[in-house]
Amino acid sequence: MVKKTRKADQKEKTFLGAIDLGGTKIGSALFTSGGRPAFRAKVLVDSRGGQEVVEQIILLYYQLEAEARAKKGRLLAVGLGVPGVVKPGSGLVWAPNIKGWKNLQLLKCLKKEIKCPISVVSDRTAYLLGEAWKGAAKGRRNIIYLAVGTGIGAGIMAEGQVIHGEGDLAGAVGWMALNRDFKRGYRQVGCFEWEASGRALARKARLFIKSCPETFISSGKDSGSDKNEVEIVCQAARRGQSEAVKLVEEIQDYLAMGVANLISAFNPEVVILGGGLFQSPDLFFEPLQKKFRRWAQPLAASSVKLVLSALGQEAALYGCARSAWLGIQEKMARKGQG
């Protein structure tokens, strides 16, 4: 019995690596195959972009590999999430927030240095996979993850399969048309994002405060940053100040239309809402739970659940690890068929 126990103790541990590339920071983590975090780290993205950021990713891979060895295990596979578009099958990446990452052969570059299996997915896919694996949509097969932060994007899963589209553009829902009148700003980011994102709230708050500064003189707050301007308007809306309430309700209405369109088109079991805007749930989540029903297909609306993200920013790391594991499973299935 003692010998058997020693053999069990000596059994090699395996880990999944996750690297979440953002516009300003890169998070990395080790997970057990069961989804338990074993290591985390974070670094700033090299502002030079291009190959320098590729080198950062490779160095983070080596760090994860070393951490796995230090835990008497090995790195089984790595998943990388990028803030942009990943062409299915090719690993060709377009990431507008990273300098020089337009049609970058990222997967080809990484495979020169990274020896274990590696998968590359968009950030919205990573968030979706993370919440489906260990978050608010665990066990569900028809899911939408809607991220409303600086921009707006969605990860979409139907019957357990992530929908990527022809060029990984499925989920670019910031471009949904929700207004008959076409504004100049729609050309840049799309109607939904221009009207209802965190950046939209900041822009509208800035214009609102500038148009009636006398309303906020007594607040004693500096309105010199987006954060403060948004905070001032949100607090005013909570106090019932009519113009602030009107501004917030406008954002709510666009969110309701956007969510309703997604529910009517995809009939999901659950819509997960994440991103900075929903850090004020009293203003944007709770009203949305009621307002979307006015616009959505009634049967789809009655069966869906709207929930807040359970994993927050960590969802992307979980999702990257999950994509690594799914890549291994797919590879094993292909071998079995062969």
C-alpha atoms as a PDB file:
ATOM      1  CA  MET A   1       0.000   0.000   0.000  1.00  0.00           C
ATOM      2  CA  VAL A   2       2.863   2.378   0.792  1.00  0.00           C
ATOM      3  CA  LYS A   3       4.391   1.875  -2.668  1.00  0.00           C
ATOM      4  CA  LYS A   4       1.062   2.612  -4.390  1.00  0.00           C
ATOM      5  CA  THR A   5       0.660   5.823  -2.403  1.00  0.00           C
ATOM      6  CA  ARG A   6       4.130   6.992  -3.383  1.00  0.00           C
ATOM      7  CA  LYS A   7       3.394   6.334  -7.038  1.00  0.00           C
ATOM      8  CA  ALA A   8       0.216   8.361  -6.776  1.00  0.00           C
ATOM      9  CA  ASP A   9       2.086  11.208  -5.093  1.00  0.00           C
ATOM     10  CA  GLN A  10       4.701  11.171  -7.829  1.00  0.00           C
ATOM     11  CA  LYS A  11       2.136  11.352 -10.632  1.00  0.00           C
ATOM     12  CA  GLU A  12       2.955  14.316 -12.858  1.00  0.00           C
ATOM     13  CA  LYS A  13       0.745  17.362 -12.498  1.00  0.00           C
ATOM     14  CA  THR A  14      -0.425  19.122 -15.634  1.00  0.00           C
ATOM     15  CA  PHE A  15      -1.368  22.766 -15.997  1.00  0.00           C
ATOM     16  CA  LEU A  16      -3.104  24.959 -18.539  1.00  0.00           C
ATOM     17  CA  GLY A  17      -1.577  28.343 -19.302  1.00  0.00           C
ATOM     18  CA  ALA A  18      -3.570  31.505 -19.951  1.00  0.00           C
ATOM     19  CA  ILE A  19      -2.344  34.823 -21.373  1.00  0.00           C
ATOM     20  CA  ASP A  20      -4.831  37.677 -21.648  1.00  0.00           C
ATOM     21  CA  LEU A  21      -3.541  40.533 -23.795  1.00  0.00           C
ATOM     22  CA  GLY A  22      -5.326  43.840 -23.218  1.00  0.00           C
ATOM     23  CA  GLY A  23      -4.781  47.296 -24.604  1.00  0.00           C
ATOM     24  CA  THR A  24      -2.538  48.327 -21.682  1.00  0.00           C
ATOM     25  CA  LYS A  25      -1.861  45.194 -19.591  1.00  0.00           C
ATOM     26  CA  ILE A  26      -1.141  41.509 -20.101  1.00  0.00           C
ATOM     27  CA  GLY A  27      -2.431  39.057 -17.522  1.00  0.00           C
ATOM     28  CA  SER A  28      -1.145  35.505 -17.253  1.00  0.00           C
ATOM     29  CA  ALA A  29      -2.134  32.524 -15.146  1.00  0.00           C
ATOM     30  CA  LEU A  30      -1.748  28.809 -14.569  1.00  0.00           C
ATOM     31  CA  PHE A  31      -4.829  26.654 -14.047  1.00  0.00           C
ATOM     32  CA  THR A  32      -5.280  23.028 -13.173  1.00  0.00           C
ATOM     33  CA  SER A  33      -7.256  21.054 -15.761  1.00  0.00           C
ATOM     34  CA  GLY A  34     -10.170  21.278 -13.327  1.00  0.00           C
ATOM     35  CA  GLY A  35     -10.101  25.086 -13.459  1.00  0.00           C
ATOM     36  CA  ARG A  36      -8.373  25.978 -10.205  1.00  0.00           C
ATOM     37  CA  PRO A  37      -5.960  28.955 -10.441  1.00  0.00           C
ATOM     38  CA  ALA A  38      -2.408  28.084  -9.407  1.00  0.00           C
ATOM     39  CA  PHE A  39      -0.472  31.214 -10.391  1.00  0.00           C
ATOM     40  CA  ARG A  40      -1.175  34.761 -11.625  1.00  0.00           C
ATOM     41  CA  ALA A  41       0.928  37.650 -12.920  1.00  0.00           C
ATOM     42  CA  LYS A  42       0.438  40.941 -14.760  1.00  0.00           C
ATOM     43  CA  VAL A  43       2.691  43.244 -16.783  1.00  0.00           C
ATOM     44  CA  LEU A  44       2.222  46.435 -18.792  1.00  0.00           C
ATOM     45  CA  VAL A  45       1.973  46.097 -22.565  1.00  0.00           C
ATOM     46  CA  ASP A  46       5.070  47.399 -24.345  1.00  0.00           C
ATOM     47  CA  SER A  47       3.929  50.699 -25.858  1.00  0.00           C
ATOM     48  CA  ARG A  48       6.094  50.121 -28.934  1.00  0.00           C
ATOM     49  CA  GLY A  49       3.722  47.363 -30.021  1.00  0.00           C
ATOM     50  CA  GLY A  50       4.663  45.088 -32.930  1.00  0.00           C
ATOM     51  CA  GLN A  51       7.290  42.410 -32.348  1.00  0.00           C
ATOM     52  CA  GLU A  52       8.046  43.741 -28.857  1.00  0.00           C
ATOM     53  CA  VAL A  53       4.593  42.635 -27.670  1.00  0.00           C
ATOM     54  CA  VAL A  54       5.072  39.262 -29.350  1.00  0.00           C
ATOM     55  CA  GLU A  55       8.304  38.884 -27.373  1.00  0.00           C
ATOM     56  CA  GLN A  56       6.444  39.757 -24.165  1.00  0.00           C
ATOM     57  CA  ILE A  57       3.969  36.953 -24.812  1.00  0.00           C
ATOM     58  CA  ILE A  58       6.800  34.498 -25.406  1.00  0.00           C
ATOM     59  CA  LEU A  59       8.514  35.550 -22.165  1.00  0.00           C
ATOM     60  CA  LEU A  60       5.235  35.072 -20.273  1.00  0.00           C
ATOM     61  CA  TYR A  61       4.959  31.595 -21.779  1.00  0.00           C
ATOM     62  CA  TYR A  62       8.434  30.747 -20.464  1.00  0.00           C
ATOM     63  CA  GLN A  63       7.439  32.101 -17.065  1.00  0.00           C
ATOM     64  CA  LEU A  64       4.343  29.889 -17.014  1.00  0.00           C
ATOM     65  CA  GLU A  65       6.436  26.913 -18.072  1.00  0.00           C
ATOM     66  CA  ALA A  66       8.894  27.598 -15.231  1.00  0.00           C
ATOM     67  CA  GLU A  67       6.091  28.004 -12.692  1.00  0.00           C
ATOM     68  CA  ALA A  68       4.601  24.679 -13.771  1.00  0.00           C
ATOM     69  CA  ARG A  69       7.991  22.980 -13.291  1.00  0.00           C
ATOM     70  CA  ALA A  70       8.387  24.631  -9.883  1.00  0.00           C
ATOM     71  CA  LYS A  71       5.087  23.012  -8.915  1.00  0.00           C
ATOM     72  CA  LYS A  72       6.482  19.652 -10.042  1.00  0.00           C
ATOM     73  CA  GLY A  73       4.323  19.600 -13.131  1.00  0.00           C
ATOM     74  CA  ARG A  74       4.347  20.570 -16.782  1.00  0.00           C
ATOM     75  CA  LEU A  75       2.542  23.025 -19.001  1.00  0.00           C
ATOM     76  CA  LEU A  76       0.104  21.078 -21.138  1.00  0.00           C
ATOM     77  CA  ALA A  77      -1.105  23.883 -23.426  1.00  0.00           C
ATOM     78  CA  VAL A  78      -1.522  27.666 -23.580  1.00  0.00           C
ATOM     79  CA  GLY A  79      -4.464  29.825 -24.563  1.00  0.00           C
ATOM     80  CA  LEU A  80      -3.979  33.437 -25.647  1.00  0.00           C
ATOM     81  CA  GLY A  81      -6.743  36.042 -25.821  1.00  0.00           C
ATOM     82  CA  VAL A  82      -6.248  39.157 -27.955  1.00  0.00           C
ATOM     83  CA  PRO A  83      -8.285  42.398 -28.124  1.00  0.00           C
ATOM     84  CA  GLY A  84      -9.352  42.152 -31.731  1.00  0.00           C
ATOM     85  CA  VAL A  85     -10.035  39.699 -34.532  1.00  0.00           C
ATOM     86  CA  VAL A  86      -8.486  36.248 -34.945  1.00  0.00           C
ATOM     87  CA  LYS A  87      -9.048  34.735 -38.389  1.00  0.00           C
ATOM     88  CA  PRO A  88     -10.339  31.183 -37.881  1.00  0.00           C
ATOM     89  CA  GLY A  89      -7.782  28.484 -38.650  1.00  0.00           C
ATOM     90  CA  SER A  90      -4.966  30.828 -39.658  1.00  0.00           C
ATOM     91  CA  GLY A  91      -4.051  32.632 -36.449  1.00  0.00           C
ATOM     92  CA  LEU A  92      -3.966  35.884 -38.438  1.00  0.00           C
ATOM     93  CA  VAL A  93      -4.643  38.705 -35.963  1.00  0.00           C
ATOM     94  CA  TRP A  94      -5.909  42.264 -36.244  1.00  0.00           C
ATOM     95  CA  ALA A  95      -5.736  44.144 -32.926  1.00  0.00           C
ATOM     96  CA  PRO A  96      -6.320  47.897 -33.338  1.00  0.00           C
ATOM     97  CA  ASN A  97      -5.137  48.749 -29.804  1.00  0.00           C
ATOM     98  CA  ILE A  98      -1.667  47.235 -30.408  1.00  0.00           C
ATOM     99  CA  LYS A  99       0.658  49.125 -32.749  1.00  0.00           C
ATOM    100  CA  GLY A 100       1.645  47.103 -35.807  1.00  0.00           C
ATOM    101  CA  TRP A 101      -0.866  44.340 -35.202  1.00  0.00           C
ATOM    102  CA  LYS A 102      -2.763  44.577 -38.459  1.00  0.00           C
ATOM    103  CA  ASN A 103      -2.948  41.212 -40.236  1.00  0.00           C
ATOM    104  CA  LEU A 104      -0.152  39.890 -38.039  1.00  0.00           C
ATOM    105  CA  GLN A 105       0.782  36.215 -38.485  1.00  0.00           C
ATOM    106  CA  LEU A 106       0.733  35.841 -34.706  1.00  0.00           C
ATOM    107  CA  LEU A 107       0.251  32.098 -34.382  1.00  0.00           C
ATOM    108  CA  LYS A 108       3.073  31.439 -36.845  1.00  0.00           C
ATOM    109  CA  CYS A 109       5.388  33.775 -34.876  1.00  0.00           C
ATOM    110  CA  LEU A 110       4.543  32.165 -31.535  1.00  0.00           C
ATOM    111  CA  LYS A 111       4.933  28.584 -32.722  1.00  0.00           C
ATOM    112  CA  LYS A 112       8.601  29.274 -33.482  1.00  0.00           C
ATOM    113  CA  GLU A 113       9.240  29.580 -29.732  1.00  0.00           C
ATOM    114  CA  ILE A 114       6.301  27.972 -27.962  1.00  0.00           C
ATOM    115  CA  LYS A 115       6.577  24.199 -28.122  1.00  0.00           C
ATOM    116  CA  CYS A 116       3.355  23.155 -26.415  1.00  0.00           C
ATOM    117  CA  PRO A 117      -0.035  23.447 -28.161  1.00  0.00           C
ATOM    118  CA  ILE A 118      -1.287  27.041 -28.302  1.00  0.00           C
ATOM    119  CA  SER A 119      -4.679  28.479 -29.189  1.00  0.00           C
ATOM    120  CA  VAL A 120      -5.414  32.119 -30.018  1.00  0.00           C
ATOM    121  CA  VAL A 121      -8.905  33.570 -29.576  1.00  0.00           C
ATOM    122  CA  SER A 122     -10.513  37.010 -29.467  1.00  0.00           C
ATOM    123  CA  ASP A 123     -11.062  38.573 -26.059  1.00  0.00           C
ATOM    124  CA  ARG A 124     -14.852  38.317 -26.407  1.00  0.00           C
ATOM    125  CA  THR A 125     -14.529  34.568 -27.056  1.00  0.00           C
ATOM    126  CA  ALA A 126     -12.273  34.274 -24.010  1.00  0.00           C
ATOM    127  CA  TYR A 127     -14.824  36.014 -21.769  1.00  0.00           C
ATOM    128  CA  LEU A 128     -17.575  33.772 -23.105  1.00  0.00           C
ATOM    129  CA  LEU A 129     -15.609  30.550 -22.585  1.00  0.00           C
ATOM    130  CA  GLY A 130     -14.582  31.587 -19.091  1.00  0.00           C
ATOM    131  CA  GLU A 131     -18.139  32.267 -17.951  1.00  0.00           C
ATOM    132  CA  ALA A 132     -19.368  29.057 -19.598  1.00  0.00           C
ATOM    133  CA  TRP A 133     -16.659  27.027 -17.857  1.00  0.00           C
ATOM    134  CA  LYS A 134     -16.547  28.420 -14.336  1.00  0.00           C
ATOM    135  CA  GLY A 135     -18.806  31.464 -14.219  1.00  0.00           C
ATOM    136  CA  ALA A 136     -22.382  32.628 -14.575  1.00  0.00           C
ATOM    137  CA  ALA A 137     -23.206  30.307 -17.503  1.00  0.00           C
ATOM    138  CA  LYS A 138     -21.691  27.076 -16.195  1.00  0.00           C
ATOM    139  CA  GLY A 139     -23.370  24.121 -17.854  1.00  0.00           C
ATOM    140  CA  ARG A 140     -25.296  26.239 -20.387  1.00  0.00           C
ATOM    141  CA  ARG A 141     -25.052  25.736 -24.154  1.00  0.00           C
ATOM    142  CA  ASN A 142     -26.777  28.831 -25.582  1.00  0.00           C
ATOM    143  CA  ILE A 143     -25.054  31.901 -24.178  1.00  0.00           C
ATOM    144  CA  ILE A 144     -24.320  35.515 -24.994  1.00  0.00           C
ATOM    145  CA  TYR A 145     -21.629  37.433 -23.141  1.00  0.00           C
ATOM    146  CA  LEU A 146     -22.145  41.161 -23.711  1.00  0.00           C
ATOM    147  CA  ALA A 147     -19.220  43.363 -22.694  1.00  0.00           C
ATOM    148  CA  VAL A 148     -20.095  47.042 -22.296  1.00  0.00           C
ATOM    149  CA  GLY A 149     -16.963  48.945 -21.380  1.00  0.00           C
ATOM    150  CA  THR A 150     -15.005  51.454 -23.437  1.00  0.00           C
ATOM    151  CA  GLY A 151     -16.512  49.661 -26.435  1.00  0.00           C
ATOM    152  CA  ILE A 152     -19.200  47.025 -26.945  1.00  0.00           C
ATOM    153  CA  GLY A 153     -18.676  43.445 -28.098  1.00  0.00           C
ATOM    154  CA  ALA A 154     -20.266  40.047 -27.606  1.00  0.00           C
ATOM    155  CA  GLY A 155     -19.238  36.422 -27.406  1.00  0.00           C
ATOM    156  CA  ILE A 156     -21.921  34.108 -28.776  1.00  0.00           C
ATOM    157  CA  MET A 157     -22.381  30.376 -28.145  1.00  0.00           C
ATOM    158  CA  ALA A 158     -25.109  28.328 -29.855  1.00  0.00           C
ATOM    159  CA  GLU A 159     -25.665  24.658 -28.983  1.00  0.00           C
ATOM    160  CA  GLY A 160     -22.308  24.562 -27.252  1.00  0.00           C
ATOM    161  CA  GLN A 161     -20.373  25.957 -30.217  1.00  0.00           C
ATOM    162  CA  VAL A 162     -18.764  29.398 -30.279  1.00  0.00           C
ATOM    163  CA  ILE A 163     -19.914  31.392 -33.293  1.00  0.00           C
ATOM    164  CA  HIS A 164     -16.968  33.092 -35.000  1.00  0.00           C
ATOM    165  CA  GLY A 165     -18.357  34.039 -38.414  1.00  0.00           C
ATOM    166  CA  GLU A 166     -16.436  34.169 -41.670  1.00  0.00           C
ATOM    167  CA  GLY A 167     -13.717  36.492 -40.380  1.00  0.00           C
ATOM    168  CA  ASP A 168     -14.182  36.207 -36.575  1.00  0.00           C
ATOM    169  CA  LEU A 169     -16.420  39.264 -36.767  1.00  0.00           C
ATOM    170  CA  ALA A 170     -19.488  37.603 -35.266  1.00  0.00           C
ATOM    171  CA  GLY A 171     -20.110  39.468 -32.031  1.00  0.00           C
ATOM    172  CA  ALA A 172     -19.099  42.899 -33.340  1.00  0.00           C
ATOM    173  CA  VAL A 173     -22.464  44.046 -32.001  1.00  0.00           C
ATOM    174  CA  GLY A 174     -21.304  47.604 -31.396  1.00  0.00           C
ATOM    175  CA  TRP A 175     -22.254  48.065 -35.044  1.00  0.00           C
ATOM    176  CA  MET A 176     -25.903  47.109 -34.560  1.00  0.00           C
ATOM    177  CA  ALA A 177     -28.176  49.738 -36.102  1.00  0.00           C
ATOM    178  CA  LEU A 178     -30.586  51.009 -33.442  1.00  0.00           C
ATOM    179  CA  ASN A 179     -31.349  54.482 -34.743  1.00  0.00           C
ATOM    180  CA  ARG A 180     -32.881  55.525 -38.069  1.00  0.00           C
ATOM    181  CA  ASP A 181     -30.968  58.821 -37.991  1.00  0.00           C
ATOM    182  CA  PHE A 182     -27.344  58.181 -38.975  1.00  0.00           C
ATOM    183  CA  LYS A 183     -24.841  60.205 -36.947  1.00  0.00           C
ATOM    184  CA  ARG A 184     -21.257  60.934 -37.947  1.00  0.00           C
ATOM    185  CA  GLY A 185     -19.889  59.011 -34.967  1.00  0.00           C
ATOM    186  CA  TYR A 186     -21.504  55.795 -36.207  1.00  0.00           C
ATOM    187  CA  ARG A 187     -18.890  55.620 -38.977  1.00  0.00           C
ATOM    188  CA  GLN A 188     -16.161  55.127 -36.372  1.00  0.00           C
ATOM    189  CA  VAL A 189     -17.578  52.530 -33.978  1.00  0.00           C
ATOM    190  CA  GLY A 190     -21.161  51.742 -34.972  1.00  0.00           C
ATOM    191  CA  CYS A 191     -24.502  52.956 -33.643  1.00  0.00           C
ATOM    192  CA  PHE A 192     -24.840  50.760 -30.539  1.00  0.00           C
ATOM    193  CA  GLU A 193     -21.319  51.521 -29.306  1.00  0.00           C
ATOM    194  CA  TRP A 194     -21.594  55.238 -30.062  1.00  0.00           C
ATOM    195  CA  GLU A 195     -24.820  55.492 -28.071  1.00  0.00           C
ATOM    196  CA  ALA A 196     -24.448  53.077 -25.156  1.00  0.00           C
ATOM    197  CA  SER A 197     -20.808  52.211 -24.344  1.00  0.00           C
ATOM    198  CA  GLY A 198     -18.799  53.484 -21.405  1.00  0.00           C
ATOM    199  CA  ARG A 199     -17.085  55.903 -23.756  1.00  0.00           C
ATOM    200  CA  ALA A 200     -20.524  57.100 -24.902  1.00  0.00           C
ATOM    201  CA  LEU A 201     -21.587  57.737 -21.317  1.00  0.00           C
ATOM    202  CA  ALA A 202     -18.390  59.717 -20.673  1.00  0.00           C
ATOM    203  CA  ARG A 203     -18.880  61.785 -23.835  1.00  0.00           C
ATOM    204  CA  LYS A 204     -22.527  62.528 -23.075  1.00  0.00           C
ATOM    205  CA  ALA A 205     -21.719  63.318 -19.432  1.00  0.00           C
ATOM    206  CA  ARG A 206     -19.010  65.765 -20.511  1.00  0.00           C
ATOM    207  CA  LEU A 207     -21.341  67.573 -22.901  1.00  0.00           C
ATOM    208  CA  PHE A 208     -24.115  67.619 -20.301  1.00  0.00           C
ATOM    209  CA  ILE A 209     -21.921  69.165 -17.585  1.00  0.00           C
ATOM    210  CA  LYS A 210     -20.530  71.699 -20.049  1.00  0.00           C
ATOM    211  CA  SER A 211     -24.035  72.740 -21.123  1.00  0.00           C
ATOM    212  CA  CYS A 212     -25.328  73.315 -17.574  1.00  0.00           C
ATOM    213  CA  PRO A 213     -22.349  73.693 -15.202  1.00  0.00           C
ATOM    214  CA  GLU A 214     -24.431  75.629 -12.676  1.00  0.00           C
ATOM    215  CA  THR A 215     -26.229  72.378 -11.806  1.00  0.00           C
ATOM    216  CA  PHE A 216     -22.987  70.836 -10.532  1.00  0.00           C
ATOM    217  CA  ILE A 217     -21.108  73.739  -8.955  1.00  0.00           C
ATOM    218  CA  SER A 218     -22.334  72.707  -5.529  1.00  0.00           C
ATOM    219  CA  SER A 219     -21.037  69.152  -5.944  1.00  0.00           C
ATOM    220  CA  GLY A 220     -17.469  70.322  -5.237  1.00  0.00           C
ATOM    221  CA  LYS A 221     -16.036  67.681  -7.577  1.00  0.00           C
ATOM    222  CA  ASP A 222     -13.416  68.121 -10.240  1.00  0.00           C
ATOM    223  CA  SER A 223     -14.848  67.276 -13.643  1.00  0.00           C
ATOM    224  CA  GLY A 224     -11.462  67.049 -15.314  1.00  0.00           C
ATOM    225  CA  SER A 225     -11.583  63.316 -16.106  1.00  0.00           C
ATOM    226  CA  ASP A 226     -14.034  60.871 -17.663  1.00  0.00           C
ATOM    227  CA  LYS A 227     -14.323  59.008 -14.375  1.00  0.00           C
ATOM    228  CA  ASN A 228     -15.345  62.090 -12.447  1.00  0.00           C
ATOM    229  CA  GLU A 229     -17.730  63.315 -15.124  1.00  0.00           C
ATOM    230  CA  VAL A 230     -19.486  59.968 -15.263  1.00  0.00           C
ATOM    231  CA  GLU A 231     -19.589  59.795 -11.481  1.00  0.00           C
ATOM    232  CA  ILE A 232     -21.078  63.303 -11.236  1.00  0.00           C
ATOM    233  CA  VAL A 233     -23.852  62.518 -13.701  1.00  0.00           C
ATOM    234  CA  CYS A 234     -24.617  59.121 -12.165  1.00  0.00           C
ATOM    235  CA  GLN A 235     -24.873  60.640  -8.705  1.00  0.00           C
ATOM    236  CA  ALA A 236     -27.125  63.372 -10.088  1.00  0.00           C
ATOM    237  CA  ALA A 237     -29.363  60.720 -11.671  1.00  0.00           C
ATOM    238  CA  ARG A 238     -29.582  58.898  -8.348  1.00  0.00           C
ATOM    239  CA  ARG A 239     -30.689  62.172  -6.728  1.00  0.00           C
ATOM    240  CA  GLY A 240     -33.395  62.482  -9.358  1.00  0.00           C
ATOM    241  CA  GLN A 241     -31.960  65.464 -11.249  1.00  0.00           C
ATOM    242  CA  SER A 242     -34.193  65.439 -14.331  1.00  0.00           C
ATOM    243  CA  GLU A 243     -31.614  66.042 -17.093  1.00  0.00           C
ATOM    244  CA  ALA A 244     -29.191  63.492 -15.613  1.00  0.00           C
ATOM    245  CA  VAL A 245     -32.021  60.964 -15.331  1.00  0.00           C
ATOM    246  CA  LYS A 246     -32.870  61.613 -18.980  1.00  0.00           C
ATOM    247  CA  LEU A 247     -29.262  61.010 -20.049  1.00  0.00           C
ATOM    248  CA  VAL A 248     -29.002  57.745 -18.092  1.00  0.00           C
ATOM    249  CA  GLU A 249     -32.384  56.562 -19.393  1.00  0.00           C
ATOM    250  CA  GLU A 250     -31.198  57.154 -22.949  1.00  0.00           C
ATOM    251  CA  ILE A 251     -28.255  54.794 -22.343  1.00  0.00           C
ATOM    252  CA  GLN A 252     -30.642  52.285 -20.726  1.00  0.00           C
ATOM    253  CA  ASP A 253     -32.963  52.365 -23.738  1.00  0.00           C
ATOM    254  CA  TYR A 254     -30.179  51.701 -26.237  1.00  0.00           C
ATOM    255  CA  LEU A 255     -28.908  48.851 -24.061  1.00  0.00           C
ATOM    256  CA  ALA A 256     -32.423  47.419 -23.899  1.00  0.00           C
ATOM    257  CA  MET A 257     -32.793  47.511 -27.695  1.00  0.00           C
ATOM    258  CA  GLY A 258     -29.378  45.944 -28.247  1.00  0.00           C
ATOM    259  CA  VAL A 259     -29.953  43.144 -25.737  1.00  0.00           C
ATOM    260  CA  ALA A 260     -33.456  42.536 -27.100  1.00  0.00           C
ATOM    261  CA  ASN A 261     -32.111  42.158 -30.641  1.00  0.00           C
ATOM    262  CA  LEU A 262     -29.548  39.598 -29.491  1.00  0.00           C
ATOM    263  CA  ILE A 263     -32.178  37.647 -27.558  1.00  0.00           C
ATOM    264  CA  SER A 264     -34.609  37.647 -30.497  1.00  0.00           C
ATOM    265  CA  ALA A 265     -31.904  36.572 -32.965  1.00  0.00           C
ATOM    266  CA  PHE A 266     -30.196  33.854 -30.899  1.00  0.00           C
ATOM    267  CA  ASN A 267     -32.745  32.713 -28.262  1.00  0.00           C
ATOM    268  CA  PRO A 268     -30.064  32.232 -25.564  1.00  0.00           C
ATOM    269  CA  GLU A 269     -30.577  30.591 -22.179  1.00  0.00           C
ATOM    270  CA  VAL A 270     -28.583  33.329 -20.501  1.00  0.00           C
ATOM    271  CA  VAL A 271     -27.157  36.755 -21.328  1.00  0.00           C
ATOM    272  CA  ILE A 272     -24.151  37.657 -19.194  1.00  0.00           C
ATOM    273  CA  LEU A 273     -23.468  41.360 -18.804  1.00  0.00           C
ATOM    274  CA  GLY A 274     -19.924  42.482 -18.094  1.00  0.00           C
ATOM    275  CA  GLY A 275     -17.724  45.528 -18.462  1.00  0.00           C
ATOM    276  CA  GLY A 276     -17.318  48.806 -16.631  1.00  0.00           C
ATOM    277  CA  LEU A 277     -20.809  50.158 -17.272  1.00  0.00           C
ATOM    278  CA  PHE A 278     -22.400  47.441 -15.150  1.00  0.00           C
ATOM    279  CA  GLN A 279     -20.343  48.421 -12.137  1.00  0.00           C
ATOM    280  CA  SER A 280     -23.330  50.713 -11.541  1.00  0.00           C
ATOM    281  CA  PRO A 281     -25.979  47.968 -11.515  1.00  0.00           C
ATOM    282  CA  ASP A 282     -28.687  50.174 -10.014  1.00  0.00           C
ATOM    283  CA  LEU A 283     -28.529  52.466 -13.042  1.00  0.00           C
ATOM    284  CA  PHE A 284     -27.824  50.043 -15.882  1.00  0.00           C
ATOM    285  CA  PHE A 285     -28.453  46.409 -14.911  1.00  0.00           C
ATOM    286  CA  GLU A 286     -31.624  46.530 -12.854  1.00  0.00           C
ATOM    287  CA  PRO A 287     -33.569  48.799 -15.262  1.00  0.00           C
ATOM    288  CA  LEU A 288     -32.328  46.745 -18.226  1.00  0.00           C
ATOM    289  CA  GLN A 289     -33.884  43.574 -16.784  1.00  0.00           C
ATOM    290  CA  LYS A 290     -37.302  45.142 -17.294  1.00  0.00           C
ATOM    291  CA  LYS A 291     -36.783  47.347 -20.324  1.00  0.00           C
ATOM    292  CA  PHE A 292     -35.455  44.732 -22.770  1.00  0.00           C
ATOM    293  CA  ARG A 293     -38.770  42.803 -22.645  1.00  0.00           C
ATOM    294  CA  ARG A 294     -40.577  45.583 -24.477  1.00  0.00           C
ATOM    295  CA  TRP A 295     -38.401  45.001 -27.560  1.00  0.00           C
ATOM    296  CA  ALA A 296     -37.607  41.273 -27.473  1.00  0.00           C
ATOM    297  CA  GLN A 297     -39.464  38.307 -28.985  1.00  0.00           C
ATOM    298  CA  PRO A 298     -41.883  37.402 -26.149  1.00  0.00           C
ATOM    299  CA  LEU A 299     -41.160  33.669 -25.855  1.00  0.00           C
ATOM    300  CA  ALA A 300     -37.399  34.213 -26.043  1.00  0.00           C
ATOM    301  CA  ALA A 301     -37.671  37.025 -23.486  1.00  0.00           C
ATOM    302  CA  SER A 302     -39.668  34.888 -21.052  1.00  0.00           C
ATOM    303  CA  SER A 303     -37.112  32.047 -21.043  1.00  0.00           C
ATOM    304  CA  VAL A 304     -33.837  33.994 -20.923  1.00  0.00           C
ATOM    305  CA  LYS A 305     -31.970  35.060 -17.794  1.00  0.00           C
ATOM    306  CA  LEU A 306     -29.979  38.288 -17.610  1.00  0.00           C
ATOM    307  CA  VAL A 307     -27.115  38.023 -15.114  1.00  0.00           C
ATOM    308  CA  LEU A 308     -24.004  39.955 -14.201  1.00  0.00           C
ATOM    309  CA  SER A 309     -20.605  38.430 -14.889  1.00  0.00           C
ATOM    310  CA  ALA A 310     -19.527  36.127 -12.069  1.00  0.00           C
ATOM    311  CA  LEU A 311     -15.814  36.269 -12.912  1.00  0.00           C
ATOM    312  CA  GLY A 312     -15.336  39.917 -13.897  1.00  0.00           C
ATOM    313  CA  GLN A 313     -11.987  40.603 -15.557  1.00  0.00           C
ATOM    314  CA  GLU A 314     -10.810  37.127 -14.530  1.00  0.00           C
ATOM    315  CA  ALA A 315     -13.253  35.616 -17.052  1.00  0.00           C
ATOM    316  CA  ALA A 316     -10.781  36.202 -19.894  1.00  0.00           C
ATOM    317  CA  LEU A 317      -8.017  34.238 -18.135  1.00  0.00           C
ATOM    318  CA  TYR A 318     -10.373  31.356 -17.389  1.00  0.00           C
ATOM    319  CA  GLY A 319     -11.510  31.469 -21.007  1.00  0.00           C
ATOM    320  CA  CYS A 320      -7.951  31.404 -22.353  1.00  0.00           C
ATOM    321  CA  ALA A 321      -7.222  28.317 -20.254  1.00  0.00           C
ATOM    322  CA  ARG A 322     -10.455  26.728 -21.443  1.00  0.00           C
ATOM    323  CA  SER A 323      -9.568  27.409 -25.086  1.00  0.00           C
ATOM    324  CA  ALA A 324      -6.228  25.675 -24.510  1.00  0.00           C
ATOM    325  CA  TRP A 325      -8.012  22.609 -23.120  1.00  0.00           C
ATOM    326  CA  LEU A 326     -10.546  22.556 -25.965  1.00  0.00           C
ATOM    327  CA  GLY A 327      -7.654  22.726 -28.427  1.00  0.00           C
ATOM    328  CA  ILE A 328      -6.153  19.599 -26.869  1.00  0.00           C
ATOM    329  CA  GLN A 329      -9.489  17.783 -27.014  1.00  0.00           C
ATOM    330  CA  GLU A 330      -9.932  18.722 -30.671  1.00  0.00           C
ATOM    331  CA  LYS A 331      -6.448  17.466 -31.495  1.00  0.00           C
ATOM    332  CA  MET A 332      -7.117  14.165 -29.725  1.00  0.00           C
ATOM    333  CA  ALA A 333     -10.439  13.783 -31.570  1.00  0.00           C
ATOM    334  CA  ARG A 334      -8.682  14.274 -34.922  1.00  0.00           C
ATOM    335  CA  LYS A 335      -6.106  11.621 -33.999  1.00  0.00           C
ATOM    336  CA  GLY A 336      -8.908   9.251 -33.038  1.00  0.00           C
ATOM    337  CA  GLN A 337     -10.604   9.751 -36.383  1.00  0.00           C
ATOM    338  CA  GLY A 338      -7.347   9.152 -38.178  1.00  0.00           C
END
